[in-house]
């Protein structure tokens, strides 16, 4: 008799245009200590070492999602050419993702946020609902990031 193992991944992401230079947006996006300023549900986030993420940077995140408080540790696994980094969790939820900023001119850029979560146990049954909630959240996060960096520029 054969057994089948189903691996479920929830993939979600957003792409957003921002009216600020790529280096300014990257300074916020790559500084994990600033995540609570633009990511919904983030109760605390710290990076070691602090500042702009580099390969090997570790993160400690406490977040609220679907009525639960989650504790996640992570690691920056790659910082690519330009303004792109890849991350993955090392404990807590099973997730990985990419944050990227691409220049679209001297005062404009495009941000891409993508995440893939692998639910375990009973959470796999909830995957379709979680996908909808997570997609809505990352889209709103992108809008908050835009408001943060464009608003900071307007205030200076």
N, C-alpha and C. Protein backbone atom coordinates (compact mmCIF):
# COMPACT_ATOMS: atom_id res chain seq x y z
N UNK A 1 0.83 -1.17 0.00
CA UNK A 1 0.00 0.00 0.00
C UNK A 1 0.88 1.24 0.00
N UNK A 2 0.51 2.21 -0.81
CA UNK A 2 1.25 3.45 -0.94
C UNK A 2 0.65 4.53 -0.06
N UNK A 3 1.50 5.34 0.50
CA UNK A 3 0.99 6.49 1.23
C UNK A 3 1.43 7.75 0.49
N UNK A 4 0.60 8.75 0.56
CA UNK A 4 0.89 10.01 -0.10
C UNK A 4 1.05 11.08 0.97
N UNK A 5 2.06 11.89 0.83
CA UNK A 5 2.29 13.00 1.72
C UNK A 5 1.98 14.28 0.95
N UNK A 6 1.07 15.06 1.49
CA UNK A 6 0.71 16.33 0.88
C UNK A 6 1.44 17.45 1.60
N UNK A 7 2.18 18.23 0.86
CA UNK A 7 2.85 19.39 1.42
C UNK A 7 2.07 20.61 0.97
N UNK A 8 1.58 21.38 1.91
CA UNK A 8 0.79 22.55 1.62
C UNK A 8 1.63 23.79 1.88
N UNK A 9 1.69 24.66 0.91
CA UNK A 9 2.34 25.96 1.07
C UNK A 9 1.31 27.04 0.80
N UNK A 10 1.40 28.10 1.54
CA UNK A 10 0.57 29.27 1.31
C UNK A 10 1.50 30.35 0.80
N UNK A 11 1.35 30.72 -0.47
CA UNK A 11 2.17 31.77 -1.05
C UNK A 11 1.35 33.03 -1.22
N UNK A 12 1.94 34.16 -0.87
CA UNK A 12 1.23 35.43 -1.01
C UNK A 12 2.27 36.53 -1.18
N UNK A 13 1.86 37.66 -1.74
CA UNK A 13 2.79 38.74 -1.95
C UNK A 13 2.11 39.96 -2.51
N UNK A 14 2.90 41.01 -2.66
CA UNK A 14 2.40 42.25 -3.22
C UNK A 14 3.53 43.00 -3.89
N UNK A 15 3.17 43.82 -4.84
CA UNK A 15 4.12 44.72 -5.50
C UNK A 15 3.50 46.11 -5.43
N UNK A 16 4.28 47.08 -5.01
CA UNK A 16 3.75 48.42 -4.82
C UNK A 16 4.73 49.47 -5.32
N UNK A 17 4.21 50.47 -6.01
CA UNK A 17 5.03 51.59 -6.47
C UNK A 17 5.09 52.64 -5.38
N UNK A 18 6.29 53.18 -5.18
CA UNK A 18 6.50 54.19 -4.14
C UNK A 18 7.21 55.38 -4.77
N UNK A 19 6.75 56.56 -4.45
CA UNK A 19 7.32 57.79 -5.00
C UNK A 19 8.48 58.32 -4.18
N UNK A 20 9.47 57.49 -3.97
CA UNK A 20 10.70 57.86 -3.27
C UNK A 20 11.85 57.08 -3.90
N UNK A 21 13.08 57.59 -3.78
CA UNK A 21 14.24 56.87 -4.32
C UNK A 21 14.40 55.50 -3.66
N UNK A 22 14.88 54.55 -4.44
CA UNK A 22 15.03 53.17 -3.96
C UNK A 22 15.88 53.08 -2.70
N UNK A 23 16.96 53.84 -2.61
CA UNK A 23 17.84 53.74 -1.44
C UNK A 23 17.12 54.18 -0.15
N UNK A 24 16.21 55.14 -0.24
CA UNK A 24 15.46 55.58 0.94
C UNK A 24 14.50 54.49 1.40
N UNK A 25 13.83 53.86 0.45
CA UNK A 25 12.88 52.80 0.78
C UNK A 25 13.63 51.59 1.32
N UNK A 26 14.77 51.26 0.70
CA UNK A 26 15.57 50.12 1.15
C UNK A 26 16.04 50.32 2.59
N UNK A 27 16.36 51.55 2.96
CA UNK A 27 16.82 51.83 4.32
C UNK A 27 15.77 51.44 5.36
N UNK A 28 14.50 51.57 5.02
CA UNK A 28 13.42 51.18 5.93
C UNK A 28 13.15 49.67 5.81
N UNK A 29 13.07 49.18 4.60
CA UNK A 29 12.71 47.78 4.35
C UNK A 29 13.75 46.80 4.89
N UNK A 30 15.02 47.14 4.81
CA UNK A 30 16.10 46.24 5.22
C UNK A 30 16.46 46.40 6.70
N UNK A 31 15.81 47.33 7.39
CA UNK A 31 16.06 47.53 8.82
C UNK A 31 14.91 46.88 9.58
N UNK A 32 15.10 45.65 10.00
CA UNK A 32 14.03 44.88 10.64
C UNK A 32 13.52 45.52 11.92
N UNK A 33 14.34 46.31 12.60
CA UNK A 33 13.88 47.00 13.80
C UNK A 33 12.72 47.95 13.48
N UNK A 34 12.56 48.33 12.21
CA UNK A 34 11.50 49.26 11.80
C UNK A 34 10.22 48.55 11.36
N UNK A 35 10.23 47.23 11.34
CA UNK A 35 9.04 46.48 10.89
C UNK A 35 7.76 46.86 11.63
N UNK A 36 7.77 47.07 12.95
CA UNK A 36 6.52 47.43 13.62
C UNK A 36 5.90 48.74 13.11
N UNK A 37 6.69 49.58 12.44
CA UNK A 37 6.17 50.83 11.91
C UNK A 37 5.26 50.61 10.69
N UNK A 38 5.43 49.50 9.97
CA UNK A 38 4.66 49.31 8.74
C UNK A 38 4.01 47.94 8.59
N UNK A 39 4.36 46.98 9.41
CA UNK A 39 3.77 45.64 9.31
C UNK A 39 2.71 45.45 10.39
N UNK A 40 1.51 45.10 9.98
CA UNK A 40 0.40 44.89 10.91
C UNK A 40 0.69 43.69 11.81
N UNK A 41 0.28 43.80 13.06
CA UNK A 41 0.37 42.67 13.98
C UNK A 41 1.73 42.43 14.58
N UNK A 42 2.74 43.20 14.19
CA UNK A 42 4.07 43.00 14.75
C UNK A 42 4.15 43.71 16.10
N UNK A 43 4.24 42.93 17.15
CA UNK A 43 4.33 43.48 18.50
C UNK A 43 5.75 43.91 18.82
N UNK A 44 6.72 43.14 18.35
CA UNK A 44 8.13 43.52 18.51
C UNK A 44 8.96 42.79 17.46
N UNK A 45 10.05 43.42 17.09
CA UNK A 45 10.98 42.84 16.11
C UNK A 45 12.35 43.40 16.44
N UNK A 46 13.33 42.52 16.51
CA UNK A 46 14.70 42.98 16.71
C UNK A 46 15.62 42.18 15.80
N UNK A 47 16.69 42.84 15.41
CA UNK A 47 17.68 42.22 14.51
C UNK A 47 19.05 42.26 15.17
N UNK A 48 19.84 41.24 14.89
CA UNK A 48 21.21 41.18 15.39
C UNK A 48 22.13 40.80 14.24
N UNK A 49 23.00 41.69 13.79
CA UNK A 49 23.21 43.04 14.29
C UNK A 49 22.10 43.98 13.82
N UNK A 50 21.90 45.09 14.57
CA UNK A 50 20.89 46.06 14.15
C UNK A 50 21.32 46.80 12.89
N UNK A 51 20.37 47.47 12.26
CA UNK A 51 20.67 48.24 11.05
C UNK A 51 20.31 47.46 9.81
N UNK A 52 20.93 47.83 8.71
CA UNK A 52 20.63 47.22 7.42
C UNK A 52 21.02 45.74 7.42
N UNK A 53 20.07 44.89 7.03
CA UNK A 53 20.27 43.44 7.05
C UNK A 53 21.42 43.02 6.13
N UNK A 54 22.17 42.05 6.61
CA UNK A 54 23.23 41.44 5.82
C UNK A 54 23.07 39.93 5.94
N UNK A 55 23.70 39.14 5.08
CA UNK A 55 23.59 37.69 5.23
C UNK A 55 24.03 37.27 6.63
N UNK A 56 23.21 36.45 7.27
CA UNK A 56 23.50 35.99 8.61
C UNK A 56 22.82 36.79 9.70
N UNK A 57 22.27 37.96 9.38
CA UNK A 57 21.50 38.72 10.37
C UNK A 57 20.40 37.82 10.91
N UNK A 58 20.22 37.82 12.22
CA UNK A 58 19.15 37.05 12.83
C UNK A 58 18.07 37.99 13.35
N UNK A 59 16.83 37.50 13.37
CA UNK A 59 15.71 38.32 13.82
C UNK A 59 14.90 37.57 14.87
N UNK A 60 14.28 38.34 15.75
CA UNK A 60 13.36 37.81 16.74
C UNK A 60 12.08 38.62 16.62
N UNK A 61 10.99 37.93 16.31
CA UNK A 61 9.71 38.58 16.03
C UNK A 61 8.63 38.03 16.96
N UNK A 62 7.80 38.93 17.46
CA UNK A 62 6.59 38.56 18.18
C UNK A 62 5.45 39.22 17.42
N UNK A 63 4.49 38.40 16.99
CA UNK A 63 3.39 38.93 16.19
C UNK A 63 2.06 38.33 16.62
N UNK A 64 0.99 39.04 16.26
CA UNK A 64 -0.37 38.55 16.48
C UNK A 64 -0.96 38.22 15.12
N UNK A 65 -1.54 37.03 15.03
CA UNK A 65 -2.24 36.63 13.81
C UNK A 65 -3.34 35.66 14.17
N UNK A 66 -4.52 35.93 13.67
CA UNK A 66 -5.69 35.06 13.88
C UNK A 66 -5.91 34.76 15.36
N UNK A 67 -5.76 35.79 16.19
CA UNK A 67 -6.02 35.62 17.61
C UNK A 67 -4.93 34.95 18.41
N UNK A 68 -3.80 34.64 17.76
CA UNK A 68 -2.70 33.97 18.45
C UNK A 68 -1.47 34.87 18.48
N UNK A 69 -0.68 34.75 19.53
CA UNK A 69 0.62 35.42 19.59
C UNK A 69 1.67 34.41 19.15
N UNK A 70 2.44 34.77 18.15
CA UNK A 70 3.45 33.89 17.58
C UNK A 70 4.84 34.45 17.83
N UNK A 71 5.77 33.57 18.17
CA UNK A 71 7.17 33.93 18.39
C UNK A 71 7.98 33.26 17.30
N UNK A 72 8.62 34.06 16.47
CA UNK A 72 9.37 33.54 15.33
C UNK A 72 10.80 34.06 15.34
N UNK A 73 11.74 33.17 15.14
CA UNK A 73 13.12 33.56 14.93
C UNK A 73 13.42 33.38 13.45
N UNK A 74 14.27 34.24 12.92
CA UNK A 74 14.57 34.16 11.50
C UNK A 74 16.02 34.48 11.21
N UNK A 75 16.35 34.33 9.94
CA UNK A 75 17.72 34.57 9.48
C UNK A 75 17.68 35.11 8.06
N UNK A 76 18.52 36.09 7.77
CA UNK A 76 18.69 36.58 6.41
C UNK A 76 19.64 35.61 5.72
N UNK A 77 19.17 34.96 4.68
CA UNK A 77 19.98 33.94 4.03
C UNK A 77 20.72 34.47 2.80
N UNK A 78 20.23 35.59 2.26
CA UNK A 78 20.89 36.14 1.07
C UNK A 78 20.54 37.61 0.94
N UNK A 79 21.52 38.40 0.59
CA UNK A 79 21.29 39.77 0.17
C UNK A 79 21.85 39.86 -1.23
N UNK A 80 20.98 40.08 -2.19
CA UNK A 80 21.38 40.05 -3.59
C UNK A 80 21.88 41.39 -4.08
N UNK A 81 22.27 41.41 -5.33
CA UNK A 81 22.72 42.67 -5.92
C UNK A 81 21.58 43.67 -5.89
N UNK A 82 21.95 44.93 -5.72
CA UNK A 82 20.91 45.95 -5.61
C UNK A 82 20.27 45.87 -4.24
N UNK A 83 18.99 45.88 -4.22
CA UNK A 83 18.25 45.94 -2.96
C UNK A 83 17.29 44.76 -2.87
N UNK A 84 17.80 43.60 -2.56
CA UNK A 84 16.96 42.41 -2.41
C UNK A 84 17.54 41.52 -1.33
N UNK A 85 16.66 41.00 -0.49
CA UNK A 85 17.11 40.04 0.51
C UNK A 85 16.12 38.89 0.60
N UNK A 86 16.64 37.73 0.97
CA UNK A 86 15.82 36.55 1.20
C UNK A 86 15.98 36.16 2.66
N UNK A 87 14.89 35.74 3.27
CA UNK A 87 14.88 35.37 4.68
C UNK A 87 14.16 34.05 4.85
N UNK A 88 14.36 33.44 6.03
CA UNK A 88 13.60 32.25 6.40
C UNK A 88 13.53 32.20 7.91
N UNK A 89 12.50 31.54 8.40
CA UNK A 89 12.39 31.37 9.84
C UNK A 89 13.26 30.18 10.26
N UNK A 90 13.73 30.25 11.49
CA UNK A 90 14.52 29.16 12.07
C UNK A 90 13.77 28.50 13.21
N UNK A 91 12.73 29.15 13.71
CA UNK A 91 11.83 28.57 14.70
C UNK A 91 10.51 29.34 14.66
N UNK A 92 9.48 28.73 15.21
CA UNK A 92 8.15 29.34 15.15
C UNK A 92 7.45 28.84 13.89
N UNK A 93 6.79 29.74 13.19
CA UNK A 93 6.13 29.32 11.95
C UNK A 93 7.19 28.92 10.92
N UNK A 94 6.82 28.10 9.97
CA UNK A 94 7.71 27.63 8.91
C UNK A 94 7.49 28.52 7.70
N UNK A 95 8.38 29.49 7.47
CA UNK A 95 8.16 30.49 6.42
C UNK A 95 9.47 30.94 5.81
N UNK A 96 9.33 31.51 4.60
CA UNK A 96 10.46 32.11 3.90
C UNK A 96 9.92 33.20 3.01
N UNK A 97 10.79 34.12 2.61
CA UNK A 97 10.30 35.19 1.76
C UNK A 97 11.40 36.04 1.19
N UNK A 98 10.96 37.05 0.45
CA UNK A 98 11.85 37.99 -0.22
C UNK A 98 11.31 39.40 -0.03
N UNK A 99 12.23 40.33 0.18
CA UNK A 99 11.94 41.75 0.17
C UNK A 99 12.84 42.36 -0.90
N UNK A 100 12.27 43.12 -1.80
CA UNK A 100 13.08 43.69 -2.89
C UNK A 100 12.61 45.08 -3.24
N UNK A 101 13.55 45.92 -3.62
CA UNK A 101 13.26 47.27 -4.10
C UNK A 101 13.97 47.44 -5.43
N UNK A 102 13.22 47.88 -6.43
CA UNK A 102 13.79 48.10 -7.76
C UNK A 102 13.58 49.55 -8.17
N UNK A 103 14.67 50.26 -8.51
CA UNK A 103 14.52 51.65 -8.95
C UNK A 103 13.67 51.74 -10.22
N UNK A 104 12.84 52.76 -10.29
CA UNK A 104 12.02 53.03 -11.47
C UNK A 104 12.24 54.46 -11.96
N UNK A 105 13.37 55.01 -11.60
CA UNK A 105 13.71 56.39 -11.91
C UNK A 105 14.39 56.99 -10.70
N UNK A 106 14.81 58.25 -10.77
CA UNK A 106 15.54 58.84 -9.65
C UNK A 106 14.70 59.02 -8.38
N UNK A 107 13.40 59.18 -8.53
CA UNK A 107 12.55 59.43 -7.36
C UNK A 107 11.38 58.46 -7.26
N UNK A 108 11.54 57.26 -7.83
CA UNK A 108 10.48 56.26 -7.79
C UNK A 108 11.10 54.88 -7.70
N UNK A 109 10.35 53.97 -7.10
CA UNK A 109 10.81 52.59 -7.04
C UNK A 109 9.61 51.67 -6.92
N UNK A 110 9.88 50.40 -7.07
CA UNK A 110 8.85 49.38 -6.91
C UNK A 110 9.33 48.39 -5.86
N UNK A 111 8.45 48.09 -4.91
CA UNK A 111 8.76 47.16 -3.83
C UNK A 111 8.01 45.87 -4.07
N UNK A 112 8.71 44.76 -3.87
CA UNK A 112 8.08 43.44 -3.96
C UNK A 112 8.29 42.73 -2.63
N UNK A 113 7.17 42.31 -2.04
CA UNK A 113 7.19 41.53 -0.81
C UNK A 113 6.55 40.20 -1.12
N UNK A 114 7.22 39.11 -0.85
CA UNK A 114 6.62 37.79 -1.08
C UNK A 114 6.99 36.87 0.07
N UNK A 115 6.02 36.04 0.44
CA UNK A 115 6.20 35.13 1.56
C UNK A 115 5.56 33.80 1.21
N UNK A 116 6.15 32.76 1.72
CA UNK A 116 5.60 31.41 1.59
C UNK A 116 5.62 30.77 2.97
N UNK A 117 4.46 30.32 3.42
CA UNK A 117 4.30 29.70 4.73
C UNK A 117 3.91 28.25 4.53
N UNK A 118 4.47 27.38 5.34
CA UNK A 118 4.10 25.97 5.31
C UNK A 118 3.41 25.62 6.62
N UNK A 119 2.07 25.54 6.59
CA UNK A 119 1.36 25.19 7.82
C UNK A 119 1.55 23.71 8.17
N UNK A 120 1.48 23.43 9.44
CA UNK A 120 1.63 22.06 9.94
C UNK A 120 0.39 21.66 10.73
N UNK A 121 0.16 20.38 10.83
CA UNK A 121 -0.94 19.85 11.65
C UNK A 121 -2.29 20.40 11.22
N UNK A 122 -3.11 20.74 12.20
CA UNK A 122 -4.45 21.21 11.93
C UNK A 122 -4.45 22.52 11.14
N UNK A 123 -3.39 23.31 11.25
CA UNK A 123 -3.32 24.57 10.51
C UNK A 123 -3.44 24.36 9.00
N UNK A 124 -3.10 23.14 8.53
CA UNK A 124 -3.22 22.87 7.09
C UNK A 124 -4.68 22.91 6.65
N UNK A 125 -5.59 22.52 7.52
CA UNK A 125 -7.01 22.58 7.20
C UNK A 125 -7.45 24.03 7.01
N UNK A 126 -6.84 24.92 7.75
CA UNK A 126 -7.20 26.34 7.71
C UNK A 126 -6.46 27.12 6.62
N UNK A 127 -5.65 26.44 5.82
CA UNK A 127 -4.81 27.10 4.82
C UNK A 127 -5.58 28.01 3.87
N UNK A 128 -6.73 27.61 3.32
CA UNK A 128 -7.43 28.53 2.40
C UNK A 128 -7.83 29.84 3.08
N UNK A 129 -8.33 29.77 4.30
CA UNK A 129 -8.71 30.99 5.02
C UNK A 129 -7.47 31.80 5.38
N UNK A 130 -6.43 31.12 5.83
CA UNK A 130 -5.18 31.82 6.18
C UNK A 130 -4.62 32.54 4.97
N UNK A 131 -4.70 31.91 3.80
CA UNK A 131 -4.19 32.55 2.58
C UNK A 131 -4.88 33.89 2.34
N UNK A 132 -6.20 33.92 2.45
CA UNK A 132 -6.94 35.17 2.25
C UNK A 132 -6.51 36.23 3.25
N UNK A 133 -6.40 35.85 4.52
CA UNK A 133 -6.01 36.81 5.55
C UNK A 133 -4.58 37.31 5.35
N UNK A 134 -3.68 36.39 5.01
CA UNK A 134 -2.29 36.77 4.82
C UNK A 134 -2.10 37.64 3.59
N UNK A 135 -2.83 37.35 2.52
CA UNK A 135 -2.73 38.19 1.31
C UNK A 135 -3.23 39.60 1.60
N UNK A 136 -4.33 39.69 2.31
CA UNK A 136 -4.86 41.01 2.68
C UNK A 136 -3.86 41.77 3.54
N UNK A 137 -3.24 41.05 4.48
CA UNK A 137 -2.29 41.70 5.39
C UNK A 137 -1.06 42.20 4.65
N UNK A 138 -0.48 41.40 3.76
CA UNK A 138 0.74 41.84 3.08
C UNK A 138 0.46 43.00 2.12
N UNK A 139 -0.73 43.01 1.53
CA UNK A 139 -1.12 44.13 0.66
C UNK A 139 -1.21 45.41 1.50
N UNK A 140 -1.84 45.32 2.66
CA UNK A 140 -1.93 46.48 3.56
C UNK A 140 -0.56 46.90 4.07
N UNK A 141 0.31 45.93 4.35
CA UNK A 141 1.67 46.25 4.79
C UNK A 141 2.39 47.08 3.73
N UNK A 142 2.25 46.70 2.47
CA UNK A 142 2.88 47.46 1.38
C UNK A 142 2.35 48.89 1.33
N UNK A 143 1.06 49.05 1.54
CA UNK A 143 0.47 50.40 1.54
C UNK A 143 0.96 51.22 2.73
N UNK A 144 1.11 50.57 3.90
CA UNK A 144 1.64 51.27 5.07
C UNK A 144 3.11 51.66 4.86
N UNK A 145 3.87 50.78 4.22
CA UNK A 145 5.27 51.11 3.92
C UNK A 145 5.33 52.34 3.02
N UNK A 146 4.50 52.37 1.98
CA UNK A 146 4.47 53.52 1.09
C UNK A 146 4.11 54.80 1.86
N UNK A 147 3.06 54.73 2.69
CA UNK A 147 2.64 55.90 3.46
C UNK A 147 3.76 56.36 4.40
N UNK A 148 4.48 55.41 5.00
CA UNK A 148 5.55 55.73 5.93
C UNK A 148 6.67 56.50 5.22
N UNK A 149 7.18 55.95 4.11
CA UNK A 149 8.34 56.60 3.47
C UNK A 149 7.94 57.85 2.71
N UNK A 150 6.77 57.86 2.09
CA UNK A 150 6.34 59.07 1.40
C UNK A 150 5.97 60.15 2.40
N UNK A 151 5.36 59.75 3.53
CA UNK A 151 4.99 60.70 4.57
C UNK A 151 6.21 61.31 5.26
N UNK A 152 7.23 60.46 5.48
CA UNK A 152 8.47 60.95 6.11
C UNK A 152 9.12 62.00 5.22
N UNK A 153 9.06 61.80 3.90
CA UNK A 153 9.66 62.74 2.98
C UNK A 153 8.87 64.06 2.97
N UNK A 154 7.55 63.96 3.07
CA UNK A 154 6.71 65.15 3.07
C UNK A 154 6.92 65.97 4.34
N UNK A 155 7.22 65.27 5.45
CA UNK A 155 7.40 65.96 6.72
C UNK A 155 8.76 66.60 6.87
N UNK A 156 9.72 66.26 6.00
CA UNK A 156 11.07 66.82 6.17
C UNK A 156 11.27 68.08 5.35
